[in-house]
N, C-alpha and C. Protein backbone atom coordinates (compact mmCIF):
# COMPACT_ATOMS: atom_id res chain seq x y z
N MET A 1 15.37 -33.60 -1.60
CA MET A 1 14.10 -32.97 -1.86
C MET A 1 13.29 -32.90 -0.56
N VAL A 2 13.26 -34.00 0.15
CA VAL A 2 12.51 -34.03 1.41
C VAL A 2 13.15 -33.08 2.42
N MET A 3 14.48 -33.01 2.41
CA MET A 3 15.19 -32.14 3.34
C MET A 3 14.80 -30.67 3.11
N PHE A 4 14.73 -30.25 1.85
CA PHE A 4 14.34 -28.88 1.56
C PHE A 4 12.90 -28.61 1.99
N PHE A 5 12.03 -29.60 1.83
CA PHE A 5 10.65 -29.43 2.25
C PHE A 5 10.55 -29.24 3.76
N VAL A 6 11.27 -30.07 4.50
CA VAL A 6 11.25 -29.96 5.96
C VAL A 6 11.88 -28.64 6.42
N LEU A 7 12.99 -28.26 5.80
CA LEU A 7 13.61 -26.98 6.17
C LEU A 7 12.71 -25.80 5.84
N GLY A 8 11.97 -25.91 4.74
CA GLY A 8 11.01 -24.86 4.41
C GLY A 8 9.90 -24.77 5.43
N LEU A 9 9.42 -25.92 5.90
CA LEU A 9 8.40 -25.92 6.94
C LEU A 9 8.94 -25.34 8.25
N LEU A 10 10.17 -25.69 8.57
CA LEU A 10 10.77 -25.14 9.79
C LEU A 10 10.96 -23.63 9.68
N GLY A 11 11.37 -23.16 8.52
CA GLY A 11 11.51 -21.72 8.30
C GLY A 11 10.17 -21.02 8.39
N PHE A 12 9.14 -21.66 7.87
CA PHE A 12 7.79 -21.08 7.95
C PHE A 12 7.30 -21.05 9.39
N ALA A 13 7.62 -22.10 10.15
CA ALA A 13 7.24 -22.13 11.57
C ALA A 13 7.97 -21.06 12.36
N ALA A 14 9.15 -20.68 11.89
CA ALA A 14 9.93 -19.65 12.59
C ALA A 14 9.27 -18.28 12.47
N HIS A 15 8.35 -18.11 11.53
CA HIS A 15 7.62 -16.84 11.41
C HIS A 15 6.94 -16.49 12.74
N GLY A 16 6.27 -17.46 13.32
CA GLY A 16 5.52 -17.22 14.56
C GLY A 16 6.42 -17.04 15.78
N LEU A 17 7.64 -17.55 15.73
CA LEU A 17 8.53 -17.48 16.87
C LEU A 17 9.26 -16.13 16.97
N ASN A 18 9.37 -15.43 15.86
CA ASN A 18 10.11 -14.16 15.84
C ASN A 18 9.17 -13.00 16.12
N ASP A 19 9.56 -12.19 17.09
CA ASP A 19 8.77 -11.01 17.43
C ASP A 19 9.22 -9.79 16.65
N GLY A 20 10.49 -9.74 16.32
CA GLY A 20 11.02 -8.58 15.63
C GLY A 20 10.75 -8.61 14.14
N ARG A 21 10.78 -7.45 13.54
CA ARG A 21 10.52 -7.33 12.10
C ARG A 21 11.65 -7.96 11.29
N GLU A 22 12.89 -7.81 11.74
CA GLU A 22 14.03 -8.36 11.01
C GLU A 22 14.00 -9.88 10.99
N GLY A 23 13.63 -10.48 12.09
CA GLY A 23 13.55 -11.94 12.16
C GLY A 23 12.46 -12.48 11.25
N PHE A 24 11.36 -11.75 11.15
CA PHE A 24 10.25 -12.17 10.30
C PHE A 24 10.66 -12.14 8.83
N VAL A 25 11.35 -11.10 8.43
CA VAL A 25 11.80 -10.97 7.04
C VAL A 25 12.80 -12.07 6.72
N LEU A 26 13.75 -12.29 7.62
CA LEU A 26 14.75 -13.33 7.40
C LEU A 26 14.11 -14.71 7.32
N ALA A 27 13.18 -15.01 8.21
CA ALA A 27 12.52 -16.32 8.20
C ALA A 27 11.71 -16.51 6.93
N SER A 28 11.07 -15.47 6.45
CA SER A 28 10.28 -15.60 5.23
C SER A 28 11.18 -15.80 4.00
N ILE A 29 12.32 -15.14 3.98
CA ILE A 29 13.26 -15.33 2.86
C ILE A 29 13.82 -16.74 2.87
N VAL A 30 14.24 -17.20 4.03
CA VAL A 30 14.82 -18.54 4.14
C VAL A 30 13.79 -19.61 3.77
N SER A 31 12.56 -19.49 4.29
CA SER A 31 11.56 -20.49 3.95
C SER A 31 11.19 -20.43 2.48
N GLY A 32 11.16 -19.24 1.89
CA GLY A 32 10.88 -19.11 0.47
C GLY A 32 11.95 -19.77 -0.40
N VAL A 33 13.20 -19.59 -0.03
CA VAL A 33 14.30 -20.21 -0.78
C VAL A 33 14.23 -21.73 -0.67
N PHE A 34 13.97 -22.24 0.52
CA PHE A 34 13.89 -23.69 0.69
C PHE A 34 12.72 -24.28 -0.08
N PHE A 35 11.57 -23.61 -0.07
CA PHE A 35 10.43 -24.13 -0.83
C PHE A 35 10.69 -24.05 -2.33
N ALA A 36 11.38 -23.02 -2.77
CA ALA A 36 11.72 -22.92 -4.19
C ALA A 36 12.64 -24.06 -4.60
N CYS A 37 13.64 -24.37 -3.77
CA CYS A 37 14.52 -25.51 -4.05
C CYS A 37 13.74 -26.81 -4.08
N PHE A 38 12.79 -26.96 -3.14
CA PHE A 38 11.96 -28.16 -3.13
C PHE A 38 11.15 -28.28 -4.41
N LEU A 39 10.53 -27.20 -4.85
CA LEU A 39 9.72 -27.25 -6.06
C LEU A 39 10.55 -27.57 -7.30
N ILE A 40 11.74 -27.02 -7.37
CA ILE A 40 12.62 -27.30 -8.51
C ILE A 40 13.02 -28.77 -8.52
N LEU A 41 13.43 -29.30 -7.38
CA LEU A 41 13.83 -30.70 -7.31
C LEU A 41 12.64 -31.64 -7.55
N PHE A 42 11.47 -31.26 -7.08
CA PHE A 42 10.26 -32.05 -7.31
C PHE A 42 9.95 -32.12 -8.80
N ALA A 43 10.06 -30.99 -9.49
CA ALA A 43 9.80 -30.96 -10.94
C ALA A 43 10.84 -31.79 -11.69
N VAL A 44 12.10 -31.68 -11.32
CA VAL A 44 13.15 -32.46 -11.98
C VAL A 44 12.92 -33.96 -11.77
N TYR A 45 12.54 -34.34 -10.56
CA TYR A 45 12.27 -35.75 -10.26
C TYR A 45 11.14 -36.29 -11.14
N TRP A 46 10.04 -35.57 -11.23
CA TRP A 46 8.90 -36.06 -12.00
C TRP A 46 9.16 -36.05 -13.50
N ILE A 47 9.90 -35.09 -13.98
CA ILE A 47 10.25 -35.09 -15.40
C ILE A 47 11.12 -36.31 -15.71
N GLY A 48 12.08 -36.61 -14.86
CA GLY A 48 12.91 -37.80 -15.03
C GLY A 48 12.09 -39.07 -14.96
N TYR A 49 11.15 -39.13 -14.04
CA TYR A 49 10.28 -40.30 -13.90
C TYR A 49 9.45 -40.51 -15.16
N LEU A 50 8.89 -39.44 -15.69
CA LEU A 50 8.09 -39.54 -16.91
C LEU A 50 8.94 -39.91 -18.12
N LEU A 51 10.14 -39.36 -18.23
CA LEU A 51 11.02 -39.71 -19.33
C LEU A 51 11.47 -41.17 -19.26
N LYS A 52 11.70 -41.66 -18.05
CA LYS A 52 12.06 -43.07 -17.88
C LYS A 52 10.92 -43.97 -18.33
N GLY A 53 9.70 -43.63 -17.92
CA GLY A 53 8.53 -44.41 -18.34
C GLY A 53 8.34 -44.38 -19.84
N HIS A 54 8.58 -43.23 -20.44
CA HIS A 54 8.45 -43.12 -21.89
C HIS A 54 9.51 -43.97 -22.59
N ALA A 55 10.73 -43.98 -22.09
CA ALA A 55 11.80 -44.78 -22.69
C ALA A 55 11.48 -46.27 -22.60
N ILE A 56 10.93 -46.70 -21.47
CA ILE A 56 10.55 -48.10 -21.31
C ILE A 56 9.44 -48.46 -22.29
N TRP A 57 8.44 -47.59 -22.39
CA TRP A 57 7.34 -47.82 -23.33
C TRP A 57 7.85 -47.89 -24.76
N GLN A 58 8.73 -46.99 -25.11
CA GLN A 58 9.27 -46.95 -26.47
C GLN A 58 10.09 -48.20 -26.77
N ALA A 59 10.87 -48.67 -25.81
CA ALA A 59 11.68 -49.88 -26.00
C ALA A 59 10.78 -51.10 -26.16
N GLU A 60 9.71 -51.19 -25.38
CA GLU A 60 8.77 -52.31 -25.50
C GLU A 60 8.08 -52.29 -26.86
N ARG A 61 7.71 -51.12 -27.29
CA ARG A 61 7.03 -51.00 -28.59
C ARG A 61 7.97 -51.38 -29.73
N GLN A 62 9.21 -50.98 -29.62
CA GLN A 62 10.18 -51.30 -30.67
C GLN A 62 10.52 -52.79 -30.65
N ALA A 63 10.55 -53.41 -29.48
CA ALA A 63 10.84 -54.84 -29.39
C ALA A 63 9.71 -55.66 -29.99
N GLU A 64 8.48 -55.19 -29.85
CA GLU A 64 7.34 -55.92 -30.42
C GLU A 64 7.39 -55.93 -31.94
N SER A 65 7.84 -54.84 -32.53
CA SER A 65 7.85 -54.76 -33.99
C SER A 65 9.15 -55.31 -34.59
N ASP A 66 10.10 -55.66 -33.74
CA ASP A 66 11.39 -56.18 -34.19
C ASP A 66 12.05 -55.29 -35.23
N GLY A 67 12.03 -54.02 -35.01
CA GLY A 67 12.67 -53.10 -35.93
C GLY A 67 12.37 -51.68 -35.52
N PRO A 68 12.54 -50.76 -36.46
CA PRO A 68 12.28 -49.36 -36.13
C PRO A 68 10.81 -49.12 -35.83
N SER A 69 10.52 -48.02 -35.19
CA SER A 69 9.15 -47.69 -34.82
C SER A 69 8.28 -47.56 -36.08
N THR A 70 6.98 -47.70 -35.88
CA THR A 70 6.04 -47.60 -36.98
C THR A 70 6.15 -46.23 -37.64
N GLY A 71 6.11 -46.20 -38.95
CA GLY A 71 6.19 -44.94 -39.66
C GLY A 71 7.60 -44.61 -40.12
N GLN A 72 8.56 -45.39 -39.72
CA GLN A 72 9.93 -45.15 -40.14
C GLN A 72 10.37 -46.30 -41.03
N ARG A 73 10.99 -45.96 -42.12
CA ARG A 73 11.48 -46.96 -43.05
C ARG A 73 12.98 -47.14 -42.87
N PRO A 74 13.46 -48.37 -42.99
CA PRO A 74 14.92 -48.56 -42.91
C PRO A 74 15.60 -47.95 -44.13
N GLN A 75 16.79 -47.46 -43.93
CA GLN A 75 17.52 -46.84 -45.03
C GLN A 75 18.11 -47.92 -45.93
N ASP A 76 18.15 -47.64 -47.23
CA ASP A 76 18.70 -48.61 -48.21
C ASP A 76 20.19 -48.48 -48.32
């Protein structure tokens, strides 16, 4: 994730270094792709982090009640 962020910044910095129109277009496409990859990986990381926290919270809550979560009845 960090690698894509740095590569995106480098691609964005390449905008100023290119004098030709073709180089500018290529640098903007490359930096856009790298930033898109960074955003996707960032979102996946945070969704996983939140799901992990939720699972821990749910396990603690279930351990406190020594059975199924509140509102659920055991089957006969």
